[in-house]
Amino acid sequence: MKILHIGNEKNVENYTAKTPFTETAEVVNAPLGLTDDAYAQMAPDAEVIIVDAITEISEGLMEKLPALKMVHSEGVAFNKIDLAAAGRRGIYVCNCAGMNARAVAEQTLLLMLGVVKNVVFGDRAVRDGRQMEVKMGYMGAGSLKELADCKVGLIGFGAIGKATADMLHAFGVTVYYTKRHRLDAEEEARYQVQYLPMDELLKTCDMLSLHVPVTGETMGMCNREFFAKCRKGSYFINTSRGELVDDEALREALENGTIGMAGLDTLDHEPVQKDHLILSWPQEIKEKILFSPHIGGITGSSFRRGYAMIWEDIEKISGGETPGHIVNQKELNLG
């Protein structure tokens, strides 16, 4: 089995369990940023591509690899892979759904707690010798919150949303969710969540957290109309994808106080460089944002779970079976 891996070359080595099958597979490691021609020349007979989750796999590259049977995201995201082109060729596109659910849920909780307690402001105050000033200010105003003071609304309720709900219950939080298809009553009871349509959720909840993939429907969904429906002073958390958010709409919401603080693990136009648009915003706006460097889903445990899924699917392909984590069922007419 010939495999082209596009991404960090250490990933296959570090996260692949040694089995008779994995030991006999031939893996060609290729760095990010090469041309389709360069990738095709490195592994012209590749049957499988394993690719970094936010890296493009174009129709042009697939056409240059006549033996290609499967493209497998190294993570959960797959929106940069041309699903339609893969479907036309009968190529499976798979992802590692659920591999990072606990890890991203932990990152979500970190950002939720970080904005509620405004940890960056507090850290800076202590370093500046203003501990008592800040402490007395909070005590006098009664403005410091507990997470349970917030009604939390989860937008999307897949594996990560469910793991987040489970963790939130330990803090005594009332959790709402919205998704395209409502859960049945038994599942809602299992996760102790209450369903609300999107508009109701936005006006009801004090803390909003995104847990949806990037699709044509969700791209830029957090726009001016979205933020206009939010409760004044709401917290906004994004551990999903930056492309879900209209940056200028978020800026306006932070400026006018619709959003009190935002916790962002991911931004549009990554990798984030010093000239990123958001980093040029006025300081008083940036101080309302808690950033983390898109690390929610990249724990070692997440990658070990993911690579177990990847090799399971590769072994099935090798044996002429259908892989188990297909995301282009529609394009392949699989129902």
C-alpha atoms as a PDB file:
ATOM      1  CA  MET A   1       0.000   0.000   0.000  1.00  0.00           C
ATOM      2  CA  LYS A   2       1.548   3.310  -1.155  1.00  0.00           C
ATOM      3  CA  ILE A   3       0.590   6.330   0.963  1.00  0.00           C
ATOM      4  CA  LEU A   4       1.329  10.012   0.382  1.00  0.00           C
ATOM      5  CA  HIS A   5       1.328  11.958   3.643  1.00  0.00           C
ATOM      6  CA  ILE A   6       1.085  15.750   3.310  1.00  0.00           C
ATOM      7  CA  GLY A   7       1.831  17.492   6.599  1.00  0.00           C
ATOM      8  CA  ASN A   8       4.178  17.242   9.567  1.00  0.00           C
ATOM      9  CA  GLU A   9       6.393  14.260   8.763  1.00  0.00           C
ATOM     10  CA  LYS A  10       6.677  13.329  12.441  1.00  0.00           C
ATOM     11  CA  ASN A  11       2.945  12.648  12.742  1.00  0.00           C
ATOM     12  CA  VAL A  12       2.935   9.272  11.003  1.00  0.00           C
ATOM     13  CA  GLU A  13       5.999   8.186  12.942  1.00  0.00           C
ATOM     14  CA  ASN A  14       4.814   9.428  16.330  1.00  0.00           C
ATOM     15  CA  TYR A  15       1.169   8.370  16.262  1.00  0.00           C
ATOM     16  CA  THR A  16       1.088   5.141  14.249  1.00  0.00           C
ATOM     17  CA  ALA A  17       0.807   1.946  16.279  1.00  0.00           C
ATOM     18  CA  LYS A  18       3.210  -0.725  15.019  1.00  0.00           C
ATOM     19  CA  THR A  19       1.283  -3.637  13.512  1.00  0.00           C
ATOM     20  CA  PRO A  20       2.128  -6.121  10.737  1.00  0.00           C
ATOM     21  CA  PHE A  21       0.039  -4.001   8.357  1.00  0.00           C
ATOM     22  CA  THR A  22       1.456  -0.572   9.249  1.00  0.00           C
ATOM     23  CA  GLU A  23       5.006  -1.964   9.167  1.00  0.00           C
ATOM     24  CA  THR A  24       4.621  -3.054   5.540  1.00  0.00           C
ATOM     25  CA  ALA A  25       2.958   0.123   4.235  1.00  0.00           C
ATOM     26  CA  GLU A  26       5.132   2.535   2.265  1.00  0.00           C
ATOM     27  CA  VAL A  27       4.671   6.147   3.369  1.00  0.00           C
ATOM     28  CA  VAL A  28       6.069   9.100   1.437  1.00  0.00           C
ATOM     29  CA  ASN A  29       6.196  12.210   3.596  1.00  0.00           C
ATOM     30  CA  ALA A  30       5.732  15.561   1.858  1.00  0.00           C
ATOM     31  CA  PRO A  31       5.810  19.024   3.439  1.00  0.00           C
ATOM     32  CA  LEU A  32       2.998  21.530   3.204  1.00  0.00           C
ATOM     33  CA  GLY A  33       3.029  24.166   0.482  1.00  0.00           C
ATOM     34  CA  LEU A  34       4.206  22.231  -2.583  1.00  0.00           C
ATOM     35  CA  THR A  35       2.483  22.248  -5.964  1.00  0.00           C
ATOM     36  CA  ASP A  36       0.196  19.500  -7.195  1.00  0.00           C
ATOM     37  CA  ASP A  37       2.870  18.515  -9.716  1.00  0.00           C
ATOM     38  CA  ALA A  38       5.477  18.200  -6.968  1.00  0.00           C
ATOM     39  CA  TYR A  39       3.245  16.004  -4.828  1.00  0.00           C
ATOM     40  CA  ALA A  40       2.360  13.801  -7.794  1.00  0.00           C
ATOM     41  CA  GLN A  41       6.026  13.363  -8.698  1.00  0.00           C
ATOM     42  CA  MET A  42       6.852  12.277  -5.133  1.00  0.00           C
ATOM     43  CA  ALA A  43       4.274   9.469  -5.113  1.00  0.00           C
ATOM     44  CA  PRO A  44       2.753   8.955  -8.583  1.00  0.00           C
ATOM     45  CA  ASP A  45       1.360   5.541  -7.597  1.00  0.00           C
ATOM     46  CA  ALA A  46      -0.170   6.642  -4.266  1.00  0.00           C
ATOM     47  CA  GLU A  47      -3.346   4.787  -3.355  1.00  0.00           C
ATOM     48  CA  VAL A  48      -4.055   6.891  -0.257  1.00  0.00           C
ATOM     49  CA  ILE A  49      -3.410  10.501   0.726  1.00  0.00           C
ATOM     50  CA  ILE A  50      -3.253  11.399   4.406  1.00  0.00           C
ATOM     51  CA  VAL A  51      -3.472  15.165   4.628  1.00  0.00           C
ATOM     52  CA  ASP A  52      -3.250  17.896   7.247  1.00  0.00           C
ATOM     53  CA  ALA A  53      -6.828  18.834   8.151  1.00  0.00           C
ATOM     54  CA  ILE A  54      -6.786  22.371   6.746  1.00  0.00           C
ATOM     55  CA  THR A  55      -4.746  21.711   3.584  1.00  0.00           C
ATOM     56  CA  GLU A  56      -6.254  21.721   0.100  1.00  0.00           C
ATOM     57  CA  ILE A  57      -6.517  18.587  -1.990  1.00  0.00           C
ATOM     58  CA  SER A  58      -7.594  19.696  -5.455  1.00  0.00           C
ATOM     59  CA  GLU A  59      -9.157  17.922  -8.397  1.00  0.00           C
ATOM     60  CA  GLY A  60      -5.905  18.576 -10.238  1.00  0.00           C
ATOM     61  CA  LEU A  61      -3.871  16.519  -7.774  1.00  0.00           C
ATOM     62  CA  MET A  62      -6.387  13.674  -7.781  1.00  0.00           C
ATOM     63  CA  GLU A  63      -6.233  13.551 -11.567  1.00  0.00           C
ATOM     64  CA  LYS A  64      -2.461  13.136 -11.399  1.00  0.00           C
ATOM     65  CA  LEU A  65      -2.754  10.061  -9.137  1.00  0.00           C
ATOM     66  CA  PRO A  66      -4.515   7.330 -11.171  1.00  0.00           C
ATOM     67  CA  ALA A  67      -4.294   4.698  -8.400  1.00  0.00           C
ATOM     68  CA  LEU A  68      -5.814   6.961  -5.731  1.00  0.00           C
ATOM     69  CA  LYS A  69      -8.606   5.306  -3.728  1.00  0.00           C
ATOM     70  CA  MET A  70      -8.928   7.453  -0.602  1.00  0.00           C
ATOM     71  CA  VAL A  71      -8.083  10.884   0.787  1.00  0.00           C
ATOM     72  CA  HIS A  72      -8.052  10.872   4.585  1.00  0.00           C
ATOM     73  CA  SER A  73      -7.999  14.030   6.669  1.00  0.00           C
ATOM     74  CA  GLU A  74      -5.531  13.844   9.528  1.00  0.00           C
ATOM     75  CA  GLY A  75      -8.141  15.520  11.689  1.00  0.00           C
ATOM     76  CA  VAL A  76     -11.837  16.325  11.673  1.00  0.00           C
ATOM     77  CA  ALA A  77     -11.929  19.138   9.075  1.00  0.00           C
ATOM     78  CA  PHE A  78     -12.261  18.214   5.391  1.00  0.00           C
ATOM     79  CA  ASN A  79     -13.603  21.368   3.733  1.00  0.00           C
ATOM     80  CA  LYS A  80     -10.393  21.953   1.738  1.00  0.00           C
ATOM     81  CA  ILE A  81     -10.743  18.582  -0.016  1.00  0.00           C
ATOM     82  CA  ASP A  82     -12.674  18.669  -3.313  1.00  0.00           C
ATOM     83  CA  LEU A  83     -15.493  16.262  -2.424  1.00  0.00           C
ATOM     84  CA  ALA A  84     -17.239  16.553  -5.771  1.00  0.00           C
ATOM     85  CA  ALA A  85     -14.092  15.712  -7.725  1.00  0.00           C
ATOM     86  CA  ALA A  86     -13.400  12.763  -5.431  1.00  0.00           C
ATOM     87  CA  GLY A  87     -16.951  11.530  -5.928  1.00  0.00           C
ATOM     88  CA  ARG A  88     -16.628  11.652  -9.696  1.00  0.00           C
ATOM     89  CA  ARG A  89     -13.526   9.474  -9.456  1.00  0.00           C
ATOM     90  CA  GLY A  90     -15.026   7.092  -6.889  1.00  0.00           C
ATOM     91  CA  ILE A  91     -12.448   8.190  -4.328  1.00  0.00           C
ATOM     92  CA  TYR A  92     -13.430   7.991  -0.676  1.00  0.00           C
ATOM     93  CA  VAL A  93     -12.876  11.082   1.460  1.00  0.00           C
ATOM     94  CA  CYS A  94     -12.669  10.281   5.166  1.00  0.00           C
ATOM     95  CA  ASN A  95     -12.012  12.142   8.393  1.00  0.00           C
ATOM     96  CA  CYS A  96     -11.306  11.333  12.022  1.00  0.00           C
ATOM     97  CA  ALA A  97     -14.647  12.401  13.441  1.00  0.00           C
ATOM     98  CA  GLY A  98     -14.631  12.373  17.228  1.00  0.00           C
ATOM     99  CA  MET A  99     -10.867  11.957  17.607  1.00  0.00           C
ATOM    100  CA  ASN A 100     -10.471  15.298  19.381  1.00  0.00           C
ATOM    101  CA  ALA A 101     -13.865  15.679  21.054  1.00  0.00           C
ATOM    102  CA  ARG A 102     -12.570  15.640  24.623  1.00  0.00           C
ATOM    103  CA  ALA A 103      -9.536  17.779  23.804  1.00  0.00           C
ATOM    104  CA  VAL A 104     -11.564  20.503  22.048  1.00  0.00           C
ATOM    105  CA  ALA A 105     -14.182  20.396  24.795  1.00  0.00           C
ATOM    106  CA  GLU A 106     -11.413  21.031  27.337  1.00  0.00           C
ATOM    107  CA  GLN A 107     -10.171  23.973  25.268  1.00  0.00           C
ATOM    108  CA  THR A 108     -13.724  25.291  25.083  1.00  0.00           C
ATOM    109  CA  LEU A 109     -14.032  25.148  28.868  1.00  0.00           C
ATOM    110  CA  LEU A 110     -10.652  26.845  29.243  1.00  0.00           C
ATOM    111  CA  LEU A 111     -11.786  29.762  27.068  1.00  0.00           C
ATOM    112  CA  MET A 112     -15.172  29.953  28.781  1.00  0.00           C
ATOM    113  CA  LEU A 113     -13.536  30.194  32.195  1.00  0.00           C
ATOM    114  CA  GLY A 114     -10.908  32.548  30.803  1.00  0.00           C
ATOM    115  CA  VAL A 115     -13.416  35.101  29.559  1.00  0.00           C
ATOM    116  CA  VAL A 116     -15.712  34.837  32.575  1.00  0.00           C
ATOM    117  CA  LYS A 117     -12.774  35.491  34.918  1.00  0.00           C
ATOM    118  CA  ASN A 118     -10.949  37.762  32.395  1.00  0.00           C
ATOM    119  CA  VAL A 119      -7.709  35.957  33.174  1.00  0.00           C
ATOM    120  CA  VAL A 120      -5.479  38.003  30.856  1.00  0.00           C
ATOM    121  CA  PHE A 121      -6.541  41.246  32.547  1.00  0.00           C
ATOM    122  CA  GLY A 122      -6.028  39.679  35.972  1.00  0.00           C
ATOM    123  CA  ASP A 123      -2.599  38.319  35.103  1.00  0.00           C
ATOM    124  CA  ARG A 124      -1.499  41.712  33.801  1.00  0.00           C
ATOM    125  CA  ALA A 125      -2.844  43.461  36.906  1.00  0.00           C
ATOM    126  CA  VAL A 126      -0.757  41.299  39.219  1.00  0.00           C
ATOM    127  CA  ARG A 127       2.368  41.782  37.097  1.00  0.00           C
ATOM    128  CA  ASP A 128       1.758  45.545  37.234  1.00  0.00           C
ATOM    129  CA  GLY A 129       1.371  45.547  41.015  1.00  0.00           C
ATOM    130  CA  ARG A 130      -2.370  46.306  40.896  1.00  0.00           C
ATOM    131  CA  GLN A 131      -3.666  43.170  42.588  1.00  0.00           C
ATOM    132  CA  MET A 132      -5.635  44.915  45.336  1.00  0.00           C
ATOM    133  CA  GLU A 133      -6.999  47.568  42.990  1.00  0.00           C
ATOM    134  CA  VAL A 134      -8.526  44.928  40.741  1.00  0.00           C
ATOM    135  CA  LYS A 135      -9.665  42.708  43.596  1.00  0.00           C
ATOM    136  CA  MET A 136     -11.419  45.533  45.411  1.00  0.00           C
ATOM    137  CA  GLY A 137     -12.988  46.692  42.147  1.00  0.00           C
ATOM    138  CA  TYR A 138     -14.543  43.289  41.566  1.00  0.00           C
ATOM    139  CA  MET A 139     -15.748  43.058  45.155  1.00  0.00           C
ATOM    140  CA  GLY A 140     -17.305  46.526  45.080  1.00  0.00           C
ATOM    141  CA  ALA A 141     -19.082  45.987  41.774  1.00  0.00           C
ATOM    142  CA  GLY A 142     -20.092  42.366  42.341  1.00  0.00           C
ATOM    143  CA  SER A 143     -19.252  41.819  38.685  1.00  0.00           C
ATOM    144  CA  LEU A 144     -17.069  38.712  38.880  1.00  0.00           C
ATOM    145  CA  LYS A 145     -19.069  35.725  37.641  1.00  0.00           C
ATOM    146  CA  GLU A 146     -19.099  31.999  38.061  1.00  0.00           C
ATOM    147  CA  LEU A 147     -19.607  29.823  35.007  1.00  0.00           C
ATOM    148  CA  ALA A 148     -22.904  28.625  36.469  1.00  0.00           C
ATOM    149  CA  ASP A 149     -24.174  32.214  36.334  1.00  0.00           C
ATOM    150  CA  CYS A 150     -24.247  31.817  32.555  1.00  0.00           C
ATOM    151  CA  LYS A 151     -26.797  30.023  30.428  1.00  0.00           C
ATOM    152  CA  VAL A 152     -24.610  28.338  27.829  1.00  0.00           C
ATOM    153  CA  GLY A 153     -25.804  27.814  24.258  1.00  0.00           C
ATOM    154  CA  LEU A 154     -23.999  25.256  22.089  1.00  0.00           C
ATOM    155  CA  ILE A 155     -24.385  25.917  18.370  1.00  0.00           C
ATOM    156  CA  GLY A 156     -24.024  22.466  16.877  1.00  0.00           C
ATOM    157  CA  PHE A 157     -24.160  19.299  18.938  1.00  0.00           C
ATOM    158  CA  GLY A 158     -21.900  16.651  17.497  1.00  0.00           C
ATOM    159  CA  ALA A 159     -19.203  14.766  19.399  1.00  0.00           C
ATOM    160  CA  ILE A 160     -17.470  17.944  20.622  1.00  0.00           C
ATOM    161  CA  GLY A 161     -20.700  19.648  21.629  1.00  0.00           C
ATOM    162  CA  LYS A 162     -21.748  16.561  23.589  1.00  0.00           C
ATOM    163  CA  ALA A 163     -18.381  16.328  25.362  1.00  0.00           C
ATOM    164  CA  THR A 164     -18.610  20.040  26.191  1.00  0.00           C
ATOM    165  CA  ALA A 165     -22.101  19.606  27.644  1.00  0.00           C
ATOM    166  CA  ASP A 166     -20.899  16.747  29.836  1.00  0.00           C
ATOM    167  CA  MET A 167     -18.064  18.890  31.208  1.00  0.00           C
ATOM    168  CA  LEU A 168     -20.277  21.919  31.779  1.00  0.00           C
ATOM    169  CA  HIS A 169     -22.588  19.969  34.056  1.00  0.00           C
ATOM    170  CA  ALA A 170     -19.754  19.604  36.574  1.00  0.00           C
ATOM    171  CA  PHE A 171     -19.914  23.414  36.926  1.00  0.00           C
ATOM    172  CA  GLY A 172     -23.667  23.443  37.480  1.00  0.00           C
ATOM    173  CA  VAL A 173     -24.358  25.117  34.134  1.00  0.00           C
ATOM    174  CA  THR A 174     -27.730  25.099  32.379  1.00  0.00           C
ATOM    175  CA  VAL A 175     -26.970  24.013  28.811  1.00  0.00           C
ATOM    176  CA  TYR A 176     -28.997  24.713  25.684  1.00  0.00           C
ATOM    177  CA  TYR A 177     -28.236  23.549  22.161  1.00  0.00           C
ATOM    178  CA  THR A 178     -29.346  24.110  18.614  1.00  0.00           C
ATOM    179  CA  LYS A 179     -28.768  21.974  15.530  1.00  0.00           C
ATOM    180  CA  ARG A 180     -30.435  21.178  12.247  1.00  0.00           C
ATOM    181  CA  HIS A 181     -32.172  18.062  13.551  1.00  0.00           C
ATOM    182  CA  ARG A 182     -33.285  18.024  17.160  1.00  0.00           C
ATOM    183  CA  LEU A 183     -32.234  15.098  19.353  1.00  0.00           C
ATOM    184  CA  ASP A 184     -34.869  12.722  20.612  1.00  0.00           C
ATOM    185  CA  ALA A 185     -36.063  13.089  24.204  1.00  0.00           C
ATOM    186  CA  GLU A 186     -33.879  10.218  25.429  1.00  0.00           C
ATOM    187  CA  GLU A 187     -30.677  11.823  24.091  1.00  0.00           C
ATOM    188  CA  GLU A 188     -31.619  15.227  25.491  1.00  0.00           C
ATOM    189  CA  ALA A 189     -32.079  13.599  28.883  1.00  0.00           C
ATOM    190  CA  ARG A 190     -28.758  11.753  28.523  1.00  0.00           C
ATOM    191  CA  TYR A 191     -26.837  14.985  27.907  1.00  0.00           C
ATOM    192  CA  GLN A 192     -29.072  17.121  30.173  1.00  0.00           C
ATOM    193  CA  VAL A 193     -29.589  19.734  27.452  1.00  0.00           C
ATOM    194  CA  GLN A 194     -32.553  21.758  26.274  1.00  0.00           C
ATOM    195  CA  TYR A 195     -33.237  22.488  22.611  1.00  0.00           C
ATOM    196  CA  LEU A 196     -33.860  26.007  21.317  1.00  0.00           C
ATOM    197  CA  PRO A 197     -34.127  27.261  17.718  1.00  0.00           C
ATOM    198  CA  MET A 198     -31.166  29.455  16.788  1.00  0.00           C
ATOM    199  CA  ASP A 199     -32.869  32.833  17.291  1.00  0.00           C
ATOM    200  CA  GLU A 200     -34.235  31.785  20.680  1.00  0.00           C
ATOM    201  CA  LEU A 201     -30.864  30.453  21.747  1.00  0.00           C
ATOM    202  CA  LEU A 202     -29.095  33.705  20.824  1.00  0.00           C
ATOM    203  CA  LYS A 203     -31.439  35.858  22.856  1.00  0.00           C
ATOM    204  CA  THR A 204     -31.593  33.440  25.799  1.00  0.00           C
ATOM    205  CA  CYS A 205     -27.963  32.491  26.434  1.00  0.00           C
ATOM    206  CA  ASP A 206     -25.173  34.492  28.072  1.00  0.00           C
ATOM    207  CA  MET A 207     -22.431  32.283  26.607  1.00  0.00           C
ATOM    208  CA  LEU A 208     -22.418  31.076  22.981  1.00  0.00           C
ATOM    209  CA  SER A 209     -20.071  28.384  21.729  1.00  0.00           C
ATOM    210  CA  LEU A 210     -19.601  27.242  18.123  1.00  0.00           C
ATOM    211  CA  HIS A 211     -19.441  23.515  17.335  1.00  0.00           C
ATOM    212  CA  VAL A 212     -20.230  23.242  13.622  1.00  0.00           C
ATOM    213  CA  PRO A 213     -18.092  22.411  10.576  1.00  0.00           C
ATOM    214  CA  VAL A 214     -17.363  24.830   7.749  1.00  0.00           C
ATOM    215  CA  THR A 215     -19.811  24.283   4.896  1.00  0.00           C
ATOM    216  CA  GLY A 216     -21.372  26.502   2.262  1.00  0.00           C
ATOM    217  CA  GLU A 217     -24.236  27.033   4.690  1.00  0.00           C
ATOM    218  CA  THR A 218     -22.157  27.828   7.791  1.00  0.00           C
ATOM    219  CA  MET A 219     -19.407  29.946   6.207  1.00  0.00           C
ATOM    220  CA  GLY A 220     -19.622  33.411   7.771  1.00  0.00           C
ATOM    221  CA  MET A 221     -22.755  32.460   9.725  1.00  0.00           C
ATOM    222  CA  CYS A 222     -21.756  34.689  12.660  1.00  0.00           C
ATOM    223  CA  ASN A 223     -22.498  37.929  10.818  1.00  0.00           C
ATOM    224  CA  ARG A 224     -24.141  41.238  11.754  1.00  0.00           C
ATOM    225  CA  GLU A 225     -27.582  39.666  11.791  1.00  0.00           C
ATOM    226  CA  PHE A 226     -26.339  36.885  14.075  1.00  0.00           C
ATOM    227  CA  PHE A 227     -24.735  39.222  16.604  1.00  0.00           C
ATOM    228  CA  ALA A 228     -27.707  41.606  16.539  1.00  0.00           C
ATOM    229  CA  LYS A 229     -29.846  38.811  17.988  1.00  0.00           C
ATOM    230  CA  CYS A 230     -27.483  38.123  20.899  1.00  0.00           C
ATOM    231  CA  ARG A 231     -28.039  39.192  24.493  1.00  0.00           C
ATOM    232  CA  LYS A 232     -26.182  42.352  25.476  1.00  0.00           C
ATOM    233  CA  GLY A 233     -22.821  41.491  27.021  1.00  0.00           C
ATOM    234  CA  SER A 234     -22.796  37.866  25.890  1.00  0.00           C
ATOM    235  CA  TYR A 235     -19.620  35.808  25.773  1.00  0.00           C
ATOM    236  CA  PHE A 236     -18.659  34.271  22.415  1.00  0.00           C
ATOM    237  CA  ILE A 237     -16.448  31.175  22.076  1.00  0.00           C
ATOM    238  CA  ASN A 238     -15.060  29.689  18.863  1.00  0.00           C
ATOM    239  CA  THR A 239     -13.089  26.454  18.978  1.00  0.00           C
ATOM    240  CA  SER A 240     -14.443  25.300  15.598  1.00  0.00           C
ATOM    241  CA  ARG A 241     -13.172  27.280  12.605  1.00  0.00           C
ATOM    242  CA  GLY A 242     -12.431  30.937  11.975  1.00  0.00           C
ATOM    243  CA  GLU A 243     -14.304  30.879   8.659  1.00  0.00           C
ATOM    244  CA  LEU A 244     -17.575  30.669  10.571  1.00  0.00           C
ATOM    245  CA  VAL A 245     -17.178  34.262  11.774  1.00  0.00           C
ATOM    246  CA  ASP A 246     -17.448  37.574   9.928  1.00  0.00           C
ATOM    247  CA  ASP A 247     -14.540  39.409  11.569  1.00  0.00           C
ATOM    248  CA  GLU A 248     -15.931  42.900  11.010  1.00  0.00           C
ATOM    249  CA  ALA A 249     -19.276  41.875  12.484  1.00  0.00           C
ATOM    250  CA  LEU A 250     -17.474  40.521  15.559  1.00  0.00           C
ATOM    251  CA  ARG A 251     -15.517  43.752  15.890  1.00  0.00           C
ATOM    252  CA  GLU A 252     -18.728  45.790  15.821  1.00  0.00           C
ATOM    253  CA  ALA A 253     -20.312  43.484  18.404  1.00  0.00           C
ATOM    254  CA  LEU A 254     -17.308  43.917  20.703  1.00  0.00           C
ATOM    255  CA  GLU A 255     -17.315  47.688  20.177  1.00  0.00           C
ATOM    256  CA  ASN A 256     -20.995  48.139  20.959  1.00  0.00           C
ATOM    257  CA  GLY A 257     -20.990  45.703  23.880  1.00  0.00           C
ATOM    258  CA  THR A 258     -23.272  43.090  22.336  1.00  0.00           C
ATOM    259  CA  ILE A 259     -20.394  40.703  22.920  1.00  0.00           C
ATOM    260  CA  GLY A 260     -18.705  41.351  26.242  1.00  0.00           C
ATOM    261  CA  MET A 261     -15.696  39.131  25.537  1.00  0.00           C
ATOM    262  CA  ALA A 262     -14.694  36.537  22.962  1.00  0.00           C
ATOM    263  CA  GLY A 263     -12.541  33.451  23.383  1.00  0.00           C
ATOM    264  CA  LEU A 264     -11.035  32.392  20.050  1.00  0.00           C
ATOM    265  CA  ASP A 265      -8.950  29.279  19.420  1.00  0.00           C
ATOM    266  CA  THR A 266      -9.139  29.836  15.681  1.00  0.00           C
ATOM    267  CA  LEU A 267      -9.295  32.758  13.258  1.00  0.00           C
ATOM    268  CA  ASP A 268     -10.072  33.138   9.595  1.00  0.00           C
ATOM    269  CA  HIS A 269      -6.957  33.406   7.389  1.00  0.00           C
ATOM    270  CA  GLU A 270      -4.612  31.137   9.327  1.00  0.00           C
ATOM    271  CA  PRO A 271      -1.725  30.846   9.975  1.00  0.00           C
ATOM    272  CA  VAL A 272      -2.005  34.064  11.967  1.00  0.00           C
ATOM    273  CA  GLN A 273       0.854  36.466  11.284  1.00  0.00           C
ATOM    274  CA  LYS A 274       1.576  39.863  12.833  1.00  0.00           C
ATOM    275  CA  ASP A 275      -0.252  41.601   9.977  1.00  0.00           C
ATOM    276  CA  HIS A 276      -3.519  39.702  10.574  1.00  0.00           C
ATOM    277  CA  LEU A 277      -6.508  42.060  10.408  1.00  0.00           C
ATOM    278  CA  ILE A 278      -7.723  41.298  13.945  1.00  0.00           C
ATOM    279  CA  LEU A 279      -4.310  42.087  15.414  1.00  0.00           C
ATOM    280  CA  SER A 280      -4.573  45.585  13.928  1.00  0.00           C
ATOM    281  CA  TRP A 281      -7.787  46.363  15.819  1.00  0.00           C
ATOM    282  CA  PRO A 282      -7.673  49.059  18.527  1.00  0.00           C
ATOM    283  CA  GLN A 283      -6.205  47.881  21.814  1.00  0.00           C
ATOM    284  CA  GLU A 284      -9.460  48.388  23.694  1.00  0.00           C
ATOM    285  CA  ILE A 285     -11.133  45.898  21.345  1.00  0.00           C
ATOM    286  CA  LYS A 286      -8.300  43.354  21.428  1.00  0.00           C
ATOM    287  CA  GLU A 287      -8.413  43.408  25.223  1.00  0.00           C
ATOM    288  CA  LYS A 288     -11.898  41.900  24.951  1.00  0.00           C
ATOM    289  CA  ILE A 289     -10.493  38.829  23.183  1.00  0.00           C
ATOM    290  CA  LEU A 290      -8.757  35.813  24.714  1.00  0.00           C
ATOM    291  CA  PHE A 291      -6.764  34.012  22.024  1.00  0.00           C
ATOM    292  CA  SER A 292      -5.323  30.519  21.908  1.00  0.00           C
ATOM    293  CA  PRO A 293      -3.227  29.253  18.964  1.00  0.00           C
ATOM    294  CA  HIS A 294      -5.662  26.717  17.449  1.00  0.00           C
ATOM    295  CA  ILE A 295      -4.468  23.964  19.763  1.00  0.00           C
ATOM    296  CA  GLY A 296      -7.829  22.624  20.913  1.00  0.00           C
ATOM    297  CA  GLY A 297      -7.654  19.389  18.961  1.00  0.00           C
ATOM    298  CA  ILE A 298      -3.928  18.630  18.713  1.00  0.00           C
ATOM    299  CA  THR A 299      -3.207  16.734  21.908  1.00  0.00           C
ATOM    300  CA  GLY A 300      -1.109  13.605  21.602  1.00  0.00           C
ATOM    301  CA  SER A 301      -4.074  11.509  22.678  1.00  0.00           C
ATOM    302  CA  SER A 302      -6.218  13.040  19.929  1.00  0.00           C
ATOM    303  CA  PHE A 303      -3.676  12.189  17.251  1.00  0.00           C
ATOM    304  CA  ARG A 304      -3.248   8.636  18.523  1.00  0.00           C
ATOM    305  CA  ARG A 305      -7.021   8.151  18.311  1.00  0.00           C
ATOM    306  CA  GLY A 306      -7.047   9.752  14.859  1.00  0.00           C
ATOM    307  CA  TYR A 307      -4.266   7.626  13.448  1.00  0.00           C
ATOM    308  CA  ALA A 308      -5.978   4.496  14.752  1.00  0.00           C
ATOM    309  CA  MET A 309      -8.986   5.525  12.628  1.00  0.00           C
ATOM    310  CA  ILE A 310      -6.791   6.328   9.620  1.00  0.00           C
ATOM    311  CA  TRP A 311      -4.988   2.985   9.631  1.00  0.00           C
ATOM    312  CA  GLU A 312      -8.251   1.122  10.186  1.00  0.00           C
ATOM    313  CA  ASP A 313      -9.626   2.765   7.033  1.00  0.00           C
ATOM    314  CA  ILE A 314      -6.417   2.169   5.055  1.00  0.00           C
ATOM    315  CA  GLU A 315      -6.445  -1.510   5.980  1.00  0.00           C
ATOM    316  CA  LYS A 316     -10.055  -1.786   4.839  1.00  0.00           C
ATOM    317  CA  ILE A 317      -9.191  -0.146   1.510  1.00  0.00           C
ATOM    318  CA  SER A 318      -6.280  -2.551   1.118  1.00  0.00           C
ATOM    319  CA  GLY A 319      -8.626  -5.486   1.597  1.00  0.00           C
ATOM    320  CA  GLY A 320     -11.209  -4.187  -0.852  1.00  0.00           C
ATOM    321  CA  GLU A 321     -13.610  -3.122   1.895  1.00  0.00           C
ATOM    322  CA  THR A 322     -15.428   0.168   2.384  1.00  0.00           C
ATOM    323  CA  PRO A 323     -13.753   2.509   4.909  1.00  0.00           C
ATOM    324  CA  GLY A 324     -15.656   3.511   8.010  1.00  0.00           C
ATOM    325  CA  HIS A 325     -15.358   7.295   8.266  1.00  0.00           C
ATOM    326  CA  ILE A 326     -16.610   8.531   4.880  1.00  0.00           C
ATOM    327  CA  VAL A 327     -17.671  12.184   4.538  1.00  0.00           C
ATOM    328  CA  ASN A 328     -18.505  12.245   0.823  1.00  0.00           C
ATOM    329  CA  GLN A 329     -21.340   9.709   0.847  1.00  0.00           C
ATOM    330  CA  LYS A 330     -23.548  12.050  -1.171  1.00  0.00           C
ATOM    331  CA  GLU A 331     -20.943  12.599  -3.879  1.00  0.00           C
ATOM    332  CA  LEU A 332     -20.340   8.831  -4.055  1.00  0.00           C
ATOM    333  CA  ASN A 333     -24.104   8.136  -4.157  1.00  0.00           C
ATOM    334  CA  LEU A 334     -23.856   6.046  -1.006  1.00  0.00           C
ATOM    335  CA  GLY A 335     -27.003   7.571   0.489  1.00  0.00           C
END
